[in-house]
Amino acid sequence: MSDLPPAVASWRDQIERLSEHASPCRYLAPVKWAAIRANALAFIDRFGAEAHRLGWTTPELFGVHPQNGTLRVDSYGALMLSTGAAQAVHADRVSFAQTSGYRFLKGQTPGIPVWEFASISR
């Protein structure tokens, strides 16, 4: 994926470093994590450059709550919401088949990237 912008290539590298068999968050089932991880990698390959161009940030896509991981949805990044594949990326949302993950709402606190959470929670 040498044609990806450096920030997007970094997203891919960080997600790839997380095992598909070991959930990075205590209460996120490994099967669900494996699907989220696979779909995040597919999103990066298909829409990563466009998401970067649209100004999406790492926490907006890959964020989880800094203390509670996936137990608190108020800090979720758009790609941490769904086990389904992303269908499109827009300036304000990532579309999935039956839902959308939106950019953070006013007053919402961004999370930390799931890979940072994994490194501090072990």
PDB file of N, CA and C in Angstrom:
ATOM      1  N   MET A   1       0.833  -1.195   0.000  1.00  0.00           N
ATOM      2  CA  MET A   1       0.000   0.000   0.000  1.00  0.00           C
ATOM      3  C   MET A   1       0.871   1.250   0.000  1.00  0.00           C
ATOM      4  N   SER A   2       1.857   1.271  -0.848  1.00  0.00           N
ATOM      5  CA  SER A   2       2.809   2.376  -0.883  1.00  0.00           C
ATOM      6  C   SER A   2       2.186   3.677  -1.378  1.00  0.00           C
ATOM      7  N   ASP A   3       1.001   3.630  -1.968  1.00  0.00           N
ATOM      8  CA  ASP A   3       0.370   4.844  -2.469  1.00  0.00           C
ATOM      9  C   ASP A   3      -0.491   5.547  -1.423  1.00  0.00           C
ATOM     10  N   LEU A   4      -0.538   5.019  -0.207  1.00  0.00           N
ATOM     11  CA  LEU A   4      -1.318   5.655   0.850  1.00  0.00           C
ATOM     12  C   LEU A   4      -0.556   6.836   1.429  1.00  0.00           C
ATOM     13  N   PRO A   5      -1.270   7.920   1.790  1.00  0.00           N
ATOM     14  CA  PRO A   5      -0.609   9.016   2.500  1.00  0.00           C
ATOM     15  C   PRO A   5       0.023   8.473   3.790  1.00  0.00           C
ATOM     16  N   PRO A   6       1.111   9.076   4.264  1.00  0.00           N
ATOM     17  CA  PRO A   6       1.800   8.560   5.451  1.00  0.00           C
ATOM     18  C   PRO A   6       0.894   8.348   6.667  1.00  0.00           C
ATOM     19  N   ALA A   7      -0.027   9.266   6.940  1.00  0.00           N
ATOM     20  CA  ALA A   7      -0.928   9.104   8.090  1.00  0.00           C
ATOM     21  C   ALA A   7      -1.804   7.871   7.919  1.00  0.00           C
ATOM     22  N   VAL A   8      -2.278   7.633   6.713  1.00  0.00           N
ATOM     23  CA  VAL A   8      -3.142   6.491   6.431  1.00  0.00           C
ATOM     24  C   VAL A   8      -2.340   5.192   6.514  1.00  0.00           C
ATOM     25  N   ALA A   9      -1.130   5.214   5.999  1.00  0.00           N
ATOM     26  CA  ALA A   9      -0.257   4.048   6.112  1.00  0.00           C
ATOM     27  C   ALA A   9       0.008   3.731   7.583  1.00  0.00           C
ATOM     28  N   SER A  10       0.129   4.754   8.399  1.00  0.00           N
ATOM     29  CA  SER A  10       0.320   4.551   9.840  1.00  0.00           C
ATOM     30  C   SER A  10      -0.903   3.901  10.464  1.00  0.00           C
ATOM     31  N   TRP A  11      -2.110   4.351  10.075  1.00  0.00           N
ATOM     32  CA  TRP A  11      -3.330   3.699  10.575  1.00  0.00           C
ATOM     33  C   TRP A  11      -3.291   2.212  10.270  1.00  0.00           C
ATOM     34  N   ARG A  12      -2.949   1.890   9.034  1.00  0.00           N
ATOM     35  CA  ARG A  12      -2.925   0.493   8.599  1.00  0.00           C
ATOM     36  C   ARG A  12      -1.912  -0.300   9.421  1.00  0.00           C
ATOM     37  N   ASP A  13      -0.730   0.261   9.574  1.00  0.00           N
ATOM     38  CA  ASP A  13       0.321  -0.407  10.326  1.00  0.00           C
ATOM     39  C   ASP A  13      -0.113  -0.669  11.767  1.00  0.00           C
ATOM     40  N   GLN A  14      -0.720   0.321  12.395  1.00  0.00           N
ATOM     41  CA  GLN A  14      -1.136   0.168  13.791  1.00  0.00           C
ATOM     42  C   GLN A  14      -2.240  -0.891  13.945  1.00  0.00           C
ATOM     43  N   ILE A  15      -3.203  -0.904  13.047  1.00  0.00           N
ATOM     44  CA  ILE A  15      -4.268  -1.916  13.105  1.00  0.00           C
ATOM     45  C   ILE A  15      -3.693  -3.301  12.836  1.00  0.00           C
ATOM     46  N   GLU A  16      -2.804  -3.409  11.864  1.00  0.00           N
ATOM     47  CA  GLU A  16      -2.197  -4.709  11.562  1.00  0.00           C
ATOM     48  C   GLU A  16      -1.416  -5.265  12.745  1.00  0.00           C
ATOM     49  N   ARG A  17      -0.840  -4.400  13.558  1.00  0.00           N
ATOM     50  CA  ARG A  17      -0.062  -4.849  14.718  1.00  0.00           C
ATOM     51  C   ARG A  17      -0.932  -5.467  15.807  1.00  0.00           C
ATOM     52  N   LEU A  18      -2.216  -5.144  15.804  1.00  0.00           N
ATOM     53  CA  LEU A  18      -3.131  -5.720  16.792  1.00  0.00           C
ATOM     54  C   LEU A  18      -3.596  -7.090  16.305  1.00  0.00           C
ATOM     55  N   SER A  19      -3.469  -8.074  17.149  1.00  0.00           N
ATOM     56  CA  SER A  19      -3.863  -9.433  16.783  1.00  0.00           C
ATOM     57  C   SER A  19      -5.352  -9.514  16.479  1.00  0.00           C
ATOM     58  N   GLU A  20      -5.691 -10.253  15.448  1.00  0.00           N
ATOM     59  CA  GLU A  20      -7.110 -10.469  15.156  1.00  0.00           C
ATOM     60  C   GLU A  20      -7.741 -11.439  16.147  1.00  0.00           C
ATOM     61  N   HIS A  21      -6.930 -12.168  16.894  1.00  0.00           N
ATOM     62  CA  HIS A  21      -7.421 -13.192  17.823  1.00  0.00           C
ATOM     63  C   HIS A  21      -7.542 -12.716  19.262  1.00  0.00           C
ATOM     64  N   ALA A  22      -6.927 -11.594  19.584  1.00  0.00           N
ATOM     65  CA  ALA A  22      -6.940 -11.079  20.956  1.00  0.00           C
ATOM     66  C   ALA A  22      -7.516  -9.667  20.965  1.00  0.00           C
ATOM     67  N   SER A  23      -8.687  -9.533  21.530  1.00  0.00           N
ATOM     68  CA  SER A  23      -9.341  -8.229  21.574  1.00  0.00           C
ATOM     69  C   SER A  23      -8.510  -7.237  22.385  1.00  0.00           C
ATOM     70  N   PRO A  24      -8.374  -6.001  21.895  1.00  0.00           N
ATOM     71  CA  PRO A  24      -7.623  -4.988  22.636  1.00  0.00           C
ATOM     72  C   PRO A  24      -8.396  -4.408  23.822  1.00  0.00           C
ATOM     73  N   CYS A  25      -9.692  -4.679  23.887  1.00  0.00           N
ATOM     74  CA  CYS A  25     -10.548  -4.161  24.955  1.00  0.00           C
ATOM     75  C   CYS A  25     -11.185  -5.324  25.710  1.00  0.00           C
ATOM     76  N   ARG A  26     -11.122  -5.270  27.020  1.00  0.00           N
ATOM     77  CA  ARG A  26     -11.550  -6.372  27.872  1.00  0.00           C
ATOM     78  C   ARG A  26     -12.948  -6.918  27.545  1.00  0.00           C
ATOM     79  N   TYR A  27     -13.915  -6.064  27.334  1.00  0.00           N
ATOM     80  CA  TYR A  27     -15.292  -6.517  27.143  1.00  0.00           C
ATOM     81  C   TYR A  27     -15.733  -6.568  25.682  1.00  0.00           C
ATOM     82  N   LEU A  28     -14.802  -6.500  24.778  1.00  0.00           N
ATOM     83  CA  LEU A  28     -15.090  -6.631  23.347  1.00  0.00           C
ATOM     84  C   LEU A  28     -14.738  -8.060  22.947  1.00  0.00           C
ATOM     85  N   ALA A  29     -15.748  -8.829  22.580  1.00  0.00           N
ATOM     86  CA  ALA A  29     -15.538 -10.236  22.241  1.00  0.00           C
ATOM     87  C   ALA A  29     -14.538 -10.380  21.094  1.00  0.00           C
ATOM     88  N   PRO A  30     -13.639 -11.357  21.180  1.00  0.00           N
ATOM     89  CA  PRO A  30     -12.651 -11.555  20.118  1.00  0.00           C
ATOM     90  C   PRO A  30     -13.262 -11.715  18.727  1.00  0.00           C
ATOM     91  N   VAL A  31     -14.403 -12.372  18.622  1.00  0.00           N
ATOM     92  CA  VAL A  31     -15.044 -12.544  17.312  1.00  0.00           C
ATOM     93  C   VAL A  31     -15.482 -11.191  16.763  1.00  0.00           C
ATOM     94  N   LYS A  32     -16.042 -10.363  17.625  1.00  0.00           N
ATOM     95  CA  LYS A  32     -16.465  -9.023  17.193  1.00  0.00           C
ATOM     96  C   LYS A  32     -15.232  -8.190  16.837  1.00  0.00           C
ATOM     97  N   TRP A  33     -14.175  -8.266  17.653  1.00  0.00           N
ATOM     98  CA  TRP A  33     -12.953  -7.529  17.349  1.00  0.00           C
ATOM     99  C   TRP A  33     -12.382  -7.956  16.002  1.00  0.00           C
ATOM    100  N   ALA A  34     -12.358  -9.248  15.717  1.00  0.00           N
ATOM    101  CA  ALA A  34     -11.810  -9.727  14.448  1.00  0.00           C
ATOM    102  C   ALA A  34     -12.549  -9.099  13.266  1.00  0.00           C
ATOM    103  N   ALA A  35     -13.867  -8.976  13.386  1.00  0.00           N
ATOM    104  CA  ALA A  35     -14.654  -8.358  12.311  1.00  0.00           C
ATOM    105  C   ALA A  35     -14.360  -6.858  12.210  1.00  0.00           C
ATOM    106  N   ILE A  36     -14.303  -6.167  13.348  1.00  0.00           N
ATOM    107  CA  ILE A  36     -13.999  -4.731  13.346  1.00  0.00           C
ATOM    108  C   ILE A  36     -12.623  -4.499  12.732  1.00  0.00           C
ATOM    109  N   ARG A  37     -11.647  -5.297  13.134  1.00  0.00           N
ATOM    110  CA  ARG A  37     -10.275  -5.168  12.627  1.00  0.00           C
ATOM    111  C   ARG A  37     -10.229  -5.380  11.113  1.00  0.00           C
ATOM    112  N   ALA A  38     -10.857  -6.454  10.644  1.00  0.00           N
ATOM    113  CA  ALA A  38     -10.862  -6.744   9.200  1.00  0.00           C
ATOM    114  C   ALA A  38     -11.539  -5.621   8.426  1.00  0.00           C
ATOM    115  N   ASN A  39     -12.636  -5.116   8.949  1.00  0.00           N
ATOM    116  CA  ASN A  39     -13.337  -4.035   8.269  1.00  0.00           C
ATOM    117  C   ASN A  39     -12.567  -2.716   8.332  1.00  0.00           C
ATOM    118  N   ALA A  40     -11.830  -2.487   9.403  1.00  0.00           N
ATOM    119  CA  ALA A  40     -10.994  -1.285   9.480  1.00  0.00           C
ATOM    120  C   ALA A  40      -9.893  -1.339   8.422  1.00  0.00           C
ATOM    121  N   LEU A  41      -9.267  -2.501   8.270  1.00  0.00           N
ATOM    122  CA  LEU A  41      -8.228  -2.648   7.243  1.00  0.00           C
ATOM    123  C   LEU A  41      -8.810  -2.459   5.843  1.00  0.00           C
ATOM    124  N   ALA A  42      -9.986  -3.016   5.604  1.00  0.00           N
ATOM    125  CA  ALA A  42     -10.641  -2.855   4.301  1.00  0.00           C
ATOM    126  C   ALA A  42     -10.999  -1.385   4.064  1.00  0.00           C
ATOM    127  N   PHE A  43     -11.481  -0.706   5.111  1.00  0.00           N
ATOM    128  CA  PHE A  43     -11.799   0.712   5.000  1.00  0.00           C
ATOM    129  C   PHE A  43     -10.554   1.509   4.628  1.00  0.00           C
ATOM    130  N   ILE A  44      -9.449   1.243   5.312  1.00  0.00           N
ATOM    131  CA  ILE A  44      -8.209   1.972   5.044  1.00  0.00           C
ATOM    132  C   ILE A  44      -7.800   1.791   3.583  1.00  0.00           C
ATOM    133  N   ASP A  45      -7.860   0.556   3.111  1.00  0.00           N
ATOM    134  CA  ASP A  45      -7.461   0.284   1.729  1.00  0.00           C
ATOM    135  C   ASP A  45      -8.391   0.947   0.719  1.00  0.00           C
ATOM    136  N   ARG A  46      -9.669   0.935   1.010  1.00  0.00           N
ATOM    137  CA  ARG A  46     -10.654   1.445   0.054  1.00  0.00           C
ATOM    138  C   ARG A  46     -10.921   2.942   0.188  1.00  0.00           C
ATOM    139  N   PHE A  47     -11.011   3.428   1.435  1.00  0.00           N
ATOM    140  CA  PHE A  47     -11.438   4.805   1.674  1.00  0.00           C
ATOM    141  C   PHE A  47     -10.437   5.645   2.467  1.00  0.00           C
ATOM    142  N   GLY A  48      -9.327   5.060   2.878  1.00  0.00           N
ATOM    143  CA  GLY A  48      -8.395   5.755   3.764  1.00  0.00           C
ATOM    144  C   GLY A  48      -7.890   7.072   3.209  1.00  0.00           C
ATOM    145  N   ALA A  49      -7.451   7.077   1.968  1.00  0.00           N
ATOM    146  CA  ALA A  49      -6.927   8.312   1.370  1.00  0.00           C
ATOM    147  C   ALA A  49      -8.015   9.384   1.308  1.00  0.00           C
ATOM    148  N   GLU A  50      -9.236   8.987   0.970  1.00  0.00           N
ATOM    149  CA  GLU A  50     -10.348   9.940   0.914  1.00  0.00           C
ATOM    150  C   GLU A  50     -10.697  10.447   2.307  1.00  0.00           C
ATOM    151  N   ALA A  51     -10.715   9.560   3.302  1.00  0.00           N
ATOM    152  CA  ALA A  51     -10.991   9.984   4.678  1.00  0.00           C
ATOM    153  C   ALA A  51      -9.944  11.001   5.135  1.00  0.00           C
ATOM    154  N   HIS A  52      -8.703  10.741   4.817  1.00  0.00           N
ATOM    155  CA  HIS A  52      -7.628  11.662   5.170  1.00  0.00           C
ATOM    156  C   HIS A  52      -7.827  13.006   4.466  1.00  0.00           C
ATOM    157  N   ARG A  53      -8.163  12.974   3.193  1.00  0.00           N
ATOM    158  CA  ARG A  53      -8.414  14.200   2.438  1.00  0.00           C
ATOM    159  C   ARG A  53      -9.571  15.001   3.037  1.00  0.00           C
ATOM    160  N   LEU A  54     -10.573  14.300   3.545  1.00  0.00           N
ATOM    161  CA  LEU A  54     -11.736  14.952   4.150  1.00  0.00           C
ATOM    162  C   LEU A  54     -11.471  15.431   5.577  1.00  0.00           C
ATOM    163  N   GLY A  55     -10.284  15.143   6.103  1.00  0.00           N
ATOM    164  CA  GLY A  55      -9.909  15.645   7.414  1.00  0.00           C
ATOM    165  C   GLY A  55     -10.247  14.753   8.592  1.00  0.00           C
ATOM    166  N   TRP A  56     -10.625  13.511   8.343  1.00  0.00           N
ATOM    167  CA  TRP A  56     -10.908  12.596   9.440  1.00  0.00           C
ATOM    168  C   TRP A  56      -9.633  12.380  10.251  1.00  0.00           C
ATOM    169  N   THR A  57      -9.777  12.376  11.567  1.00  0.00           N
ATOM    170  CA  THR A  57      -8.629  12.188  12.446  1.00  0.00           C
ATOM    171  C   THR A  57      -8.584  10.751  12.962  1.00  0.00           C
ATOM    172  N   THR A  58      -7.459  10.402  13.525  1.00  0.00           N
ATOM    173  CA  THR A  58      -7.293   9.062  14.086  1.00  0.00           C
ATOM    174  C   THR A  58      -8.359   8.764  15.144  1.00  0.00           C
ATOM    175  N   PRO A  59      -8.579   9.632  16.153  1.00  0.00           N
ATOM    176  CA  PRO A  59      -9.625   9.336  17.140  1.00  0.00           C
ATOM    177  C   PRO A  59     -11.029   9.275  16.544  1.00  0.00           C
ATOM    178  N   GLU A  60     -11.295  10.092  15.525  1.00  0.00           N
ATOM    179  CA  GLU A  60     -12.628  10.064  14.909  1.00  0.00           C
ATOM    180  C   GLU A  60     -12.904   8.732  14.216  1.00  0.00           C
ATOM    181  N   LEU A  61     -11.884   8.046  13.801  1.00  0.00           N
ATOM    182  CA  LEU A  61     -12.060   6.751  13.138  1.00  0.00           C
ATOM    183  C   LEU A  61     -11.822   5.572  14.068  1.00  0.00           C
ATOM    184  N   PHE A  62     -10.788   5.632  14.892  1.00  0.00           N
ATOM    185  CA  PHE A  62     -10.333   4.465  15.647  1.00  0.00           C
ATOM    186  C   PHE A  62     -10.397   4.642  17.157  1.00  0.00           C
ATOM    187  N   GLY A  63     -11.081   5.680  17.634  1.00  0.00           N
ATOM    188  CA  GLY A  63     -11.087   5.989  19.053  1.00  0.00           C
ATOM    189  C   GLY A  63     -11.935   5.054  19.901  1.00  0.00           C
ATOM    190  N   VAL A  64     -11.449   4.863  21.124  1.00  0.00           N
ATOM    191  CA  VAL A  64     -12.206   4.191  22.184  1.00  0.00           C
ATOM    192  C   VAL A  64     -12.015   5.020  23.450  1.00  0.00           C
ATOM    193  N   HIS A  65     -12.867   4.806  24.433  1.00  0.00           N
ATOM    194  CA  HIS A  65     -12.774   5.580  25.672  1.00  0.00           C
ATOM    195  C   HIS A  65     -11.429   5.313  26.354  1.00  0.00           C
ATOM    196  N   PRO A  66     -10.744   6.352  26.843  1.00  0.00           N
ATOM    197  CA  PRO A  66      -9.399   6.180  27.400  1.00  0.00           C
ATOM    198  C   PRO A  66      -9.305   5.259  28.618  1.00  0.00           C
ATOM    199  N   GLN A  67     -10.359   5.191  29.427  1.00  0.00           N
ATOM    200  CA  GLN A  67     -10.328   4.317  30.595  1.00  0.00           C
ATOM    201  C   GLN A  67     -11.157   3.046  30.411  1.00  0.00           C
ATOM    202  N   ASN A  68     -12.224   3.140  29.653  1.00  0.00           N
ATOM    203  CA  ASN A  68     -13.186   2.046  29.570  1.00  0.00           C
ATOM    204  C   ASN A  68     -13.259   1.357  28.215  1.00  0.00           C
ATOM    205  N   GLY A  69     -12.404   1.732  27.301  1.00  0.00           N
ATOM    206  CA  GLY A  69     -12.385   1.072  25.992  1.00  0.00           C
ATOM    207  C   GLY A  69     -13.727   1.131  25.300  1.00  0.00           C
ATOM    208  N   THR A  70     -14.236  -0.019  24.920  1.00  0.00           N
ATOM    209  CA  THR A  70     -15.489  -0.087  24.170  1.00  0.00           C
ATOM    210  C   THR A  70     -16.725  -0.136  25.064  1.00  0.00           C
ATOM    211  N   LEU A  71     -16.548  -0.003  26.376  1.00  0.00           N
ATOM    212  CA  LEU A  71     -17.706   0.032  27.265  1.00  0.00           C
ATOM    213  C   LEU A  71     -18.438   1.368  27.217  1.00  0.00           C
ATOM    214  N   ARG A  72     -17.759   2.406  26.732  1.00  0.00           N
ATOM    215  CA  ARG A  72     -18.354   3.736  26.652  1.00  0.00           C
ATOM    216  C   ARG A  72     -18.399   4.178  25.208  1.00  0.00           C
ATOM    217  N   VAL A  73     -19.574   4.204  24.628  1.00  0.00           N
ATOM    218  CA  VAL A  73     -19.713   4.551  23.210  1.00  0.00           C
ATOM    219  C   VAL A  73     -19.558   6.037  22.933  1.00  0.00           C
ATOM    220  N   ASP A  74     -19.539   6.871  23.968  1.00  0.00           N
ATOM    221  CA  ASP A  74     -19.440   8.315  23.752  1.00  0.00           C
ATOM    222  C   ASP A  74     -18.071   8.744  23.230  1.00  0.00           C
ATOM    223  N   SER A  75     -17.108   7.856  23.200  1.00  0.00           N
ATOM    224  CA  SER A  75     -15.785   8.186  22.677  1.00  0.00           C
ATOM    225  C   SER A  75     -15.398   7.323  21.485  1.00  0.00           C
ATOM    226  N   TYR A  76     -16.338   6.550  20.985  1.00  0.00           N
ATOM    227  CA  TYR A  76     -16.062   5.650  19.864  1.00  0.00           C
ATOM    228  C   TYR A  76     -15.703   6.409  18.595  1.00  0.00           C
ATOM    229  N   GLY A  77     -14.743   5.879  17.873  1.00  0.00           N
ATOM    230  CA  GLY A  77     -14.506   6.326  16.519  1.00  0.00           C
ATOM    231  C   GLY A  77     -15.471   5.610  15.587  1.00  0.00           C
ATOM    232  N   ALA A  78     -15.693   6.179  14.433  1.00  0.00           N
ATOM    233  CA  ALA A  78     -16.689   5.640  13.498  1.00  0.00           C
ATOM    234  C   ALA A  78     -16.449   4.174  13.140  1.00  0.00           C
ATOM    235  N   LEU A  79     -15.205   3.756  13.036  1.00  0.00           N
ATOM    236  CA  LEU A  79     -14.925   2.373  12.635  1.00  0.00           C
ATOM    237  C   LEU A  79     -14.982   1.391  13.790  1.00  0.00           C
ATOM    238  N   MET A  80     -15.126   1.878  15.001  1.00  0.00           N
ATOM    239  CA  MET A  80     -15.226   0.995  16.161  1.00  0.00           C
ATOM    240  C   MET A  80     -16.673   0.652  16.482  1.00  0.00           C
ATOM    241  N   LEU A  81     -17.607   1.205  15.720  1.00  0.00           N
ATOM    242  CA  LEU A  81     -19.033   1.023  15.985  1.00  0.00           C
ATOM    243  C   LEU A  81     -19.634  -0.235  15.381  1.00  0.00           C
ATOM    244  N   SER A  82     -19.158  -0.647  14.250  1.00  0.00           N
ATOM    245  CA  SER A  82     -19.866  -1.647  13.467  1.00  0.00           C
ATOM    246  C   SER A  82     -18.955  -2.804  13.077  1.00  0.00           C
ATOM    247  N   THR A  83     -19.542  -3.998  13.057  1.00  0.00           N
ATOM    248  CA  THR A  83     -18.807  -5.159  12.550  1.00  0.00           C
ATOM    249  C   THR A  83     -19.030  -5.327  11.054  1.00  0.00           C
ATOM    250  N   GLY A  84     -19.829  -4.435  10.465  1.00  0.00           N
ATOM    251  CA  GLY A  84     -20.081  -4.477   9.025  1.00  0.00           C
ATOM    252  C   GLY A  84     -19.078  -3.637   8.262  1.00  0.00           C
ATOM    253  N   ALA A  85     -18.987  -3.915   6.989  1.00  0.00           N
ATOM    254  CA  ALA A  85     -18.060  -3.181   6.124  1.00  0.00           C
ATOM    255  C   ALA A  85     -18.592  -1.780   5.831  1.00  0.00           C
ATOM    256  N   ALA A  86     -17.690  -0.820   5.802  1.00  0.00           N
ATOM    257  CA  ALA A  86     -18.060   0.545   5.424  1.00  0.00           C
ATOM    258  C   ALA A  86     -18.435   0.575   3.946  1.00  0.00           C
ATOM    259  N   GLN A  87     -19.446   1.357   3.639  1.00  0.00           N
ATOM    260  CA  GLN A  87     -19.921   1.495   2.259  1.00  0.00           C
ATOM    261  C   GLN A  87     -19.417   2.770   1.592  1.00  0.00           C
ATOM    262  N   ALA A  88     -19.152   3.798   2.417  1.00  0.00           N
ATOM    263  CA  ALA A  88     -18.709   5.087   1.880  1.00  0.00           C
ATOM    264  C   ALA A  88     -18.182   5.942   3.020  1.00  0.00           C
ATOM    265  N   VAL A  89     -17.363   6.929   2.649  1.00  0.00           N
ATOM    266  CA  VAL A  89     -16.914   7.929   3.612  1.00  0.00           C
ATOM    267  C   VAL A  89     -17.355   9.289   3.090  1.00  0.00           C
ATOM    268  N   HIS A  90     -17.885  10.092   4.002  1.00  0.00           N
ATOM    269  CA  HIS A  90     -18.359  11.437   3.680  1.00  0.00           C
ATOM    270  C   HIS A  90     -17.658  12.410   4.617  1.00  0.00           C
ATOM    271  N   ALA A  91     -17.856  13.678   4.407  1.00  0.00           N
ATOM    272  CA  ALA A  91     -17.231  14.689   5.258  1.00  0.00           C
ATOM    273  C   ALA A  91     -17.675  14.569   6.711  1.00  0.00           C
ATOM    274  N   ASP A  92     -18.906  14.116   6.961  1.00  0.00           N
ATOM    275  CA  ASP A  92     -19.435  14.074   8.320  1.00  0.00           C
ATOM    276  C   ASP A  92     -19.729  12.684   8.864  1.00  0.00           C
ATOM    277  N   ARG A  93     -19.595  11.633   8.025  1.00  0.00           N
ATOM    278  CA  ARG A  93     -19.957  10.296   8.498  1.00  0.00           C
ATOM    279  C   ARG A  93     -19.301   9.216   7.649  1.00  0.00           C
ATOM    280  N   VAL A  94     -19.243   8.031   8.243  1.00  0.00           N
ATOM    281  CA  VAL A  94     -18.879   6.820   7.524  1.00  0.00           C
ATOM    282  C   VAL A  94     -20.156   6.000   7.433  1.00  0.00           C
ATOM    283  N   SER A  95     -20.536   5.624   6.235  1.00  0.00           N
ATOM    284  CA  SER A  95     -21.776   4.882   6.023  1.00  0.00           C
ATOM    285  C   SER A  95     -21.507   3.378   6.015  1.00  0.00           C
ATOM    286  N   PHE A  96     -22.370   2.672   6.726  1.00  0.00           N
ATOM    287  CA  PHE A  96     -22.389   1.214   6.727  1.00  0.00           C
ATOM    288  C   PHE A  96     -23.721   0.791   6.120  1.00  0.00           C
ATOM    289  N   ALA A  97     -23.947  -0.490   5.947  1.00  0.00           N
ATOM    290  CA  ALA A  97     -25.170  -0.957   5.295  1.00  0.00           C
ATOM    291  C   ALA A  97     -26.432  -0.465   6.008  1.00  0.00           C
ATOM    292  N   GLN A  98     -26.448  -0.513   7.352  1.00  0.00           N
ATOM    293  CA  GLN A  98     -27.673  -0.169   8.063  1.00  0.00           C
ATOM    294  C   GLN A  98     -27.531   0.984   9.049  1.00  0.00           C
ATOM    295  N   THR A  99     -26.378   1.592   9.102  1.00  0.00           N
ATOM    296  CA  THR A  99     -26.156   2.674  10.052  1.00  0.00           C
ATOM    297  C   THR A  99     -25.050   3.584   9.535  1.00  0.00           C
ATOM    298  N   SER A 100     -24.732   4.598  10.313  1.00  0.00           N
ATOM    299  CA  SER A 100     -23.611   5.484  10.010  1.00  0.00           C
ATOM    300  C   SER A 100     -22.869   5.803  11.291  1.00  0.00           C
ATOM    301  N   GLY A 101     -21.570   5.994  11.165  1.00  0.00           N
ATOM    302  CA  GLY A 101     -20.758   6.477  12.268  1.00  0.00           C
ATOM    303  C   GLY A 101     -20.419   7.924  11.972  1.00  0.00           C
ATOM    304  N   TYR A 102     -20.821   8.821  12.865  1.00  0.00           N
ATOM    305  CA  TYR A 102     -20.651  10.250  12.632  1.00  0.00           C
ATOM    306  C   TYR A 102     -19.395  10.789  13.303  1.00  0.00           C
ATOM    307  N   ARG A 103     -18.938  11.912  12.777  1.00  0.00           N
ATOM    308  CA  ARG A 103     -17.865  12.631  13.459  1.00  0.00           C
ATOM    309  C   ARG A 103     -18.374  13.036  14.825  1.00  0.00           C
ATOM    310  N   PHE A 104     -17.480  13.386  15.703  1.00  0.00           N
ATOM    311  CA  PHE A 104     -17.873  13.724  17.071  1.00  0.00           C
ATOM    312  C   PHE A 104     -18.837  14.895  17.105  1.00  0.00           C
ATOM    313  N   LEU A 105     -19.829  14.757  17.967  1.00  0.00           N
ATOM    314  CA  LEU A 105     -20.811  15.811  18.151  1.00  0.00           C
ATOM    315  C   LEU A 105     -20.266  16.856  19.122  1.00  0.00           C
ATOM    316  N   LYS A 106     -20.840  18.028  19.081  1.00  0.00           N
ATOM    317  CA  LYS A 106     -20.423  19.104  19.978  1.00  0.00           C
ATOM    318  C   LYS A 106     -20.499  18.609  21.427  1.00  0.00           C
ATOM    319  N   GLY A 107     -19.421  18.810  22.149  1.00  0.00           N
ATOM    320  CA  GLY A 107     -19.383  18.405  23.547  1.00  0.00           C
ATOM    321  C   GLY A 107     -18.911  16.974  23.772  1.00  0.00           C
ATOM    322  N   GLN A 108     -18.813  16.210  22.727  1.00  0.00           N
ATOM    323  CA  GLN A 108     -18.359  14.832  22.844  1.00  0.00           C
ATOM    324  C   GLN A 108     -16.835  14.814  22.932  1.00  0.00           C
ATOM    325  N   THR A 109     -16.307  13.983  23.793  1.00  0.00           N
ATOM    326  CA  THR A 109     -14.863  13.899  23.982  1.00  0.00           C
ATOM    327  C   THR A 109     -14.292  12.806  23.091  1.00  0.00           C
ATOM    328  N   PRO A 110     -13.318  13.147  22.263  1.00  0.00           N
ATOM    329  CA  PRO A 110     -12.695  12.112  21.426  1.00  0.00           C
ATOM    330  C   PRO A 110     -11.975  11.084  22.288  1.00  0.00           C
ATOM    331  N   GLY A 111     -11.981   9.847  21.827  1.00  0.00           N
ATOM    332  CA  GLY A 111     -11.265   8.799  22.524  1.00  0.00           C
ATOM    333  C   GLY A 111      -9.805   8.768  22.116  1.00  0.00           C
ATOM    334  N   ILE A 112      -9.149   7.694  22.502  1.00  0.00           N
ATOM    335  CA  ILE A 112      -7.773   7.472  22.078  1.00  0.00           C
ATOM    336  C   ILE A 112      -7.787   6.327  21.078  1.00  0.00           C
ATOM    337  N   PRO A 113      -6.798   6.275  20.200  1.00  0.00           N
ATOM    338  CA  PRO A 113      -6.780   5.168  19.230  1.00  0.00           C
ATOM    339  C   PRO A 113      -6.775   3.816  19.936  1.00  0.00           C
ATOM    340  N   VAL A 114      -7.479   2.874  19.380  1.00  0.00           N
ATOM    341  CA  VAL A 114      -7.613   1.552  19.985  1.00  0.00           C
ATOM    342  C   VAL A 114      -6.245   0.924  20.234  1.00  0.00           C
ATOM    343  N   TRP A 115      -5.252   1.211  19.397  1.00  0.00           N
ATOM    344  CA  TRP A 115      -3.927   0.625  19.609  1.00  0.00           C
ATOM    345  C   TRP A 115      -3.229   1.234  20.818  1.00  0.00           C
ATOM    346  N   GLU A 116      -3.516   2.500  21.125  1.00  0.00           N
ATOM    347  CA  GLU A 116      -2.967   3.101  22.347  1.00  0.00           C
ATOM    348  C   GLU A 116      -3.650   2.498  23.566  1.00  0.00           C
ATOM    349  N   PHE A 117      -4.958   2.304  23.482  1.00  0.00           N
ATOM    350  CA  PHE A 117      -5.675   1.679  24.579  1.00  0.00           C
ATOM    351  C   PHE A 117      -5.108   0.277  24.845  1.00  0.00           C
ATOM    352  N   ALA A 118      -4.857  -0.469  23.784  1.00  0.00           N
ATOM    353  CA  ALA A 118      -4.313  -1.816  23.936  1.00  0.00           C
ATOM    354  C   ALA A 118      -2.971  -1.796  24.660  1.00  0.00           C
ATOM    355  N   SER A 119      -2.152  -0.797  24.376  1.00  0.00           N
ATOM    356  CA  SER A 119      -0.823  -0.760  24.977  1.00  0.00           C
ATOM    357  C   SER A 119      -0.859  -0.339  26.456  1.00  0.00           C
ATOM    358  N   ILE A 120      -1.861   0.438  26.875  1.00  0.00           N
ATOM    359  CA  ILE A 120      -1.930   0.867  28.283  1.00  0.00           C
ATOM    360  C   ILE A 120      -2.769  -0.066  29.138  1.00  0.00           C
ATOM    361  N   SER A 121      -3.612  -0.877  28.511  1.00  0.00           N
ATOM    362  CA  SER A 121      -4.509  -1.732  29.293  1.00  0.00           C
ATOM    363  C   SER A 121      -3.919  -3.112  29.591  1.00  0.00           C
ATOM    364  N   ARG A 122      -2.738  -3.360  29.084  1.00  0.00           N
ATOM    365  CA  ARG A 122      -2.131  -4.701  29.331  1.00  0.00           C
ATOM    366  C   ARG A 122      -1.255  -4.707  30.517  1.00  0.00           C
TER     367      ARG A 122
END
